[in-house]
Amino acid sequence: MDESVKKLQDEVEALRQKLQASLSSRPSPEPERIIELPTSPQCPKCHSTMETGWLTDRLSELRTEREEWVEGPPERSFWWGKVTDGKRRYPITSFRCPSCGYLESYAR
């Protein structure tokens, strides 16, 4: 039994080293520019003051979620929906003009 445990520990260590080598060979991501969202933006169409809100993704009658921006093209999941693991995701904040209905959205 001790030999099988030692073998498993060696396999885990080899996988850990492989993963570390793989991660260290990736280019580091560019630093993100921090851009503050406007607190009360002016509508670019009619110049009224816009309201802050968010877009909902209605999953059922009882459950809603906030929409997100996901990097890259959509990839179909083997089981259900779309693949989002390992991708950058940002919640979407939206501004609505009460006068003309224009929407402006930001993913931050």
C-alpha atoms as a PDB file:
ATOM      1  CA  MET A   1       0.000   0.000   0.000  1.00  0.00           C
ATOM      2  CA  ASP A   2       2.875   2.417   0.701  1.00  0.00           C
ATOM      3  CA  GLU A   3       4.223   1.931  -2.840  1.00  0.00           C
ATOM      4  CA  SER A   4       0.881   2.871  -4.414  1.00  0.00           C
ATOM      5  CA  VAL A   5       0.668   6.016  -2.274  1.00  0.00           C
ATOM      6  CA  LYS A   6       4.237   6.982  -3.237  1.00  0.00           C
ATOM      7  CA  LYS A   7       3.402   6.381  -6.928  1.00  0.00           C
ATOM      8  CA  LEU A   8       0.323   8.617  -6.704  1.00  0.00           C
ATOM      9  CA  GLN A   9       2.323  11.338  -4.933  1.00  0.00           C
ATOM     10  CA  ASP A  10       4.944  11.213  -7.707  1.00  0.00           C
ATOM     11  CA  GLU A  11       2.229  11.469 -10.390  1.00  0.00           C
ATOM     12  CA  VAL A  12       0.637  14.444  -8.622  1.00  0.00           C
ATOM     13  CA  GLU A  13       4.010  16.182  -8.349  1.00  0.00           C
ATOM     14  CA  ALA A  14       4.735  15.588 -12.058  1.00  0.00           C
ATOM     15  CA  LEU A  15       1.332  17.054 -12.997  1.00  0.00           C
ATOM     16  CA  ARG A  16       1.913  20.039 -10.707  1.00  0.00           C
ATOM     17  CA  GLN A  17       5.255  20.758 -12.376  1.00  0.00           C
ATOM     18  CA  LYS A  18       3.691  20.432 -15.844  1.00  0.00           C
ATOM     19  CA  LEU A  19       0.937  22.879 -14.901  1.00  0.00           C
ATOM     20  CA  GLN A  20       3.430  25.335 -13.425  1.00  0.00           C
ATOM     21  CA  ALA A  21       5.559  25.204 -16.590  1.00  0.00           C
ATOM     22  CA  SER A  22       2.469  25.726 -18.754  1.00  0.00           C
ATOM     23  CA  LEU A  23       1.302  28.734 -16.735  1.00  0.00           C
ATOM     24  CA  SER A  24       4.740  30.364 -16.652  1.00  0.00           C
ATOM     25  CA  SER A  25       5.057  30.126 -20.458  1.00  0.00           C
ATOM     26  CA  ARG A  26       1.844  32.126 -21.040  1.00  0.00           C
ATOM     27  CA  PRO A  27       2.224  35.834 -21.768  1.00  0.00           C
ATOM     28  CA  SER A  28       1.091  38.026 -18.913  1.00  0.00           C
ATOM     29  CA  PRO A  29      -2.155  39.901 -19.591  1.00  0.00           C
ATOM     30  CA  GLU A  30      -2.003  43.585 -20.369  1.00  0.00           C
ATOM     31  CA  PRO A  31      -2.961  45.799 -17.438  1.00  0.00           C
ATOM     32  CA  GLU A  32      -6.535  47.016 -17.714  1.00  0.00           C
ATOM     33  CA  ARG A  33      -7.243  50.691 -18.000  1.00  0.00           C
ATOM     34  CA  ILE A  34      -9.518  51.815 -15.200  1.00  0.00           C
ATOM     35  CA  ILE A  35     -12.332  53.921 -16.594  1.00  0.00           C
ATOM     36  CA  GLU A  36     -14.912  55.221 -14.165  1.00  0.00           C
ATOM     37  CA  LEU A  37     -18.528  54.899 -15.197  1.00  0.00           C
ATOM     38  CA  PRO A  38     -20.384  58.175 -15.458  1.00  0.00           C
ATOM     39  CA  THR A  39     -22.632  58.846 -12.460  1.00  0.00           C
ATOM     40  CA  SER A  40     -25.356  60.660 -14.396  1.00  0.00           C
ATOM     41  CA  PRO A  41     -24.474  60.697 -18.089  1.00  0.00           C
ATOM     42  CA  GLN A  42     -26.192  62.860 -20.625  1.00  0.00           C
ATOM     43  CA  CYS A  43     -28.062  61.142 -23.464  1.00  0.00           C
ATOM     44  CA  PRO A  44     -26.096  61.535 -26.719  1.00  0.00           C
ATOM     45  CA  LYS A  45     -29.390  61.643 -28.692  1.00  0.00           C
ATOM     46  CA  CYS A  46     -31.590  64.145 -26.826  1.00  0.00           C
ATOM     47  CA  HIS A  47     -29.260  65.437 -24.036  1.00  0.00           C
ATOM     48  CA  SER A  48     -31.534  64.414 -21.126  1.00  0.00           C
ATOM     49  CA  THR A  49     -29.990  63.004 -17.931  1.00  0.00           C
ATOM     50  CA  MET A  50     -29.864  59.191 -18.095  1.00  0.00           C
ATOM     51  CA  GLU A  51     -30.842  56.711 -15.356  1.00  0.00           C
ATOM     52  CA  THR A  52     -28.556  53.920 -14.113  1.00  0.00           C
ATOM     53  CA  GLY A  53     -29.819  50.327 -14.283  1.00  0.00           C
ATOM     54  CA  TRP A  54     -28.934  46.819 -15.350  1.00  0.00           C
ATOM     55  CA  LEU A  55     -30.086  44.288 -17.933  1.00  0.00           C
ATOM     56  CA  THR A  56     -31.648  41.087 -16.677  1.00  0.00           C
ATOM     57  CA  ASP A  57     -31.381  37.581 -18.040  1.00  0.00           C
ATOM     58  CA  ARG A  58     -34.672  35.976 -17.106  1.00  0.00           C
ATOM     59  CA  LEU A  59     -34.062  32.299 -16.381  1.00  0.00           C
ATOM     60  CA  SER A  60     -37.571  31.467 -15.190  1.00  0.00           C
ATOM     61  CA  GLU A  61     -40.620  33.062 -13.606  1.00  0.00           C
ATOM     62  CA  LEU A  62     -38.883  33.038 -10.211  1.00  0.00           C
ATOM     63  CA  ARG A  63     -35.243  33.706 -11.048  1.00  0.00           C
ATOM     64  CA  THR A  64     -33.389  36.461 -12.891  1.00  0.00           C
ATOM     65  CA  GLU A  65     -29.676  37.168 -13.200  1.00  0.00           C
ATOM     66  CA  ARG A  66     -27.651  40.193 -14.216  1.00  0.00           C
ATOM     67  CA  GLU A  67     -26.279  39.946 -17.750  1.00  0.00           C
ATOM     68  CA  GLU A  68     -22.523  39.657 -18.239  1.00  0.00           C
ATOM     69  CA  TRP A  69     -20.099  40.332 -21.062  1.00  0.00           C
ATOM     70  CA  VAL A  70     -17.909  37.260 -21.744  1.00  0.00           C
ATOM     71  CA  GLU A  71     -14.687  37.472 -23.772  1.00  0.00           C
ATOM     72  CA  GLY A  72     -14.310  35.579 -27.047  1.00  0.00           C
ATOM     73  CA  PRO A  73     -16.824  33.952 -29.348  1.00  0.00           C
ATOM     74  CA  PRO A  74     -19.563  31.789 -27.808  1.00  0.00           C
ATOM     75  CA  GLU A  75     -18.648  28.101 -27.508  1.00  0.00           C
ATOM     76  CA  ARG A  76     -21.360  25.491 -27.125  1.00  0.00           C
ATOM     77  CA  SER A  77     -20.994  23.398 -23.974  1.00  0.00           C
ATOM     78  CA  PHE A  78     -21.112  19.619 -24.245  1.00  0.00           C
ATOM     79  CA  TRP A  79     -23.816  19.467 -21.559  1.00  0.00           C
ATOM     80  CA  TRP A  80     -25.796  22.719 -21.544  1.00  0.00           C
ATOM     81  CA  GLY A  81     -25.466  26.381 -22.462  1.00  0.00           C
ATOM     82  CA  LYS A  82     -22.166  28.032 -23.354  1.00  0.00           C
ATOM     83  CA  VAL A  83     -18.604  27.553 -22.082  1.00  0.00           C
ATOM     84  CA  THR A  84     -17.500  30.430 -19.831  1.00  0.00           C
ATOM     85  CA  ASP A  85     -14.809  28.747 -17.683  1.00  0.00           C
ATOM     86  CA  GLY A  86     -11.477  30.550 -17.858  1.00  0.00           C
ATOM     87  CA  LYS A  87     -12.910  33.536 -19.720  1.00  0.00           C
ATOM     88  CA  ARG A  88     -13.035  37.105 -18.422  1.00  0.00           C
ATOM     89  CA  ARG A  89     -16.548  38.106 -17.403  1.00  0.00           C
ATOM     90  CA  TYR A  90     -17.900  41.543 -16.495  1.00  0.00           C
ATOM     91  CA  PRO A  91     -21.359  42.544 -15.264  1.00  0.00           C
ATOM     92  CA  ILE A  92     -23.167  44.933 -17.590  1.00  0.00           C
ATOM     93  CA  THR A  93     -24.282  48.318 -16.252  1.00  0.00           C
ATOM     94  CA  SER A  94     -26.746  50.145 -18.435  1.00  0.00           C
ATOM     95  CA  PHE A  95     -27.996  53.718 -18.676  1.00  0.00           C
ATOM     96  CA  ARG A  96     -31.462  54.555 -20.031  1.00  0.00           C
ATOM     97  CA  CYS A  97     -32.744  57.877 -21.225  1.00  0.00           C
ATOM     98  CA  PRO A  98     -36.215  58.499 -19.735  1.00  0.00           C
ATOM     99  CA  SER A  99     -37.057  60.915 -22.582  1.00  0.00           C
ATOM    100  CA  CYS A 100     -36.204  58.961 -25.736  1.00  0.00           C
ATOM    101  CA  GLY A 101     -35.451  55.435 -24.421  1.00  0.00           C
ATOM    102  CA  TYR A 102     -31.869  55.287 -25.699  1.00  0.00           C
ATOM    103  CA  LEU A 103     -29.729  52.635 -23.920  1.00  0.00           C
ATOM    104  CA  GLU A 104     -25.979  52.774 -23.349  1.00  0.00           C
ATOM    105  CA  SER A 105     -24.212  49.813 -21.721  1.00  0.00           C
ATOM    106  CA  TYR A 106     -20.821  49.284 -20.092  1.00  0.00           C
ATOM    107  CA  ALA A 107     -19.140  46.027 -19.099  1.00  0.00           C
ATOM    108  CA  ARG A 108     -17.183  46.796 -15.884  1.00  0.00           C
END
